[in-house]
Amino acid sequence: MSSKCRKTKERILFRRLLPPLLILLALATIPPQRSVARKLGKPPTREEVAQVWVGWSTDELYLVRLALLPNGKGFGGYTFLGEEPRTFRIASWRYEAGQIEIDPVLPEGPPSWVSPLKGSFVGLAMKLTARGRDWKLSILLRREVEWEERWMKLKLKMANEQAK
């Protein structure tokens, strides 16, 4: 058999085998569904939700802090850009199967975005939405304890690197 004929047969064989090999490779790199579910995790318990949460509005104009108490009440506060912080009480909050509803008491003073909040949990983050007649504010919060731990580790690492 000539080398030209052999090369042609090899090309044909390669072309036939390549698609199934690519499919097998793609399937082998996809994690099983249970692994994906495990990474997403189950929704937090009510006790895990009854904590202090901090985060930013998705437009990054509002810094928000919510203290959800185990008795279903709480406190909240926010700052808009560099303005003075405003606080409010949380009359009640309800949580079930990864869904949360928060009923704040409107703060005194000028109008604000504070209104009933509804949301859900994605991994360890709480996503909330406040709505008005012609506006919507989305907020992404994490447990304050997590931020503090990460912030302190980062701050310490940077201080140690700077001291070298």
Foldseek 3Di string as FASTA:
>chain_A
DDPVVVVVVVVVVCVVPVVVVVVVVVVVPDDDPVVVDVQQNFADDLVLVQAKKWWAWPVRQKTKIWHHHSVFWTKIWIDGHPDDIFIWIWPGKDDDRFKIKTAIDATPDDDDQDGIWIFGDGRQKTWIWGDDPPDIIIIIIHGPVVVVVVVVVVVVVVVVVVVD
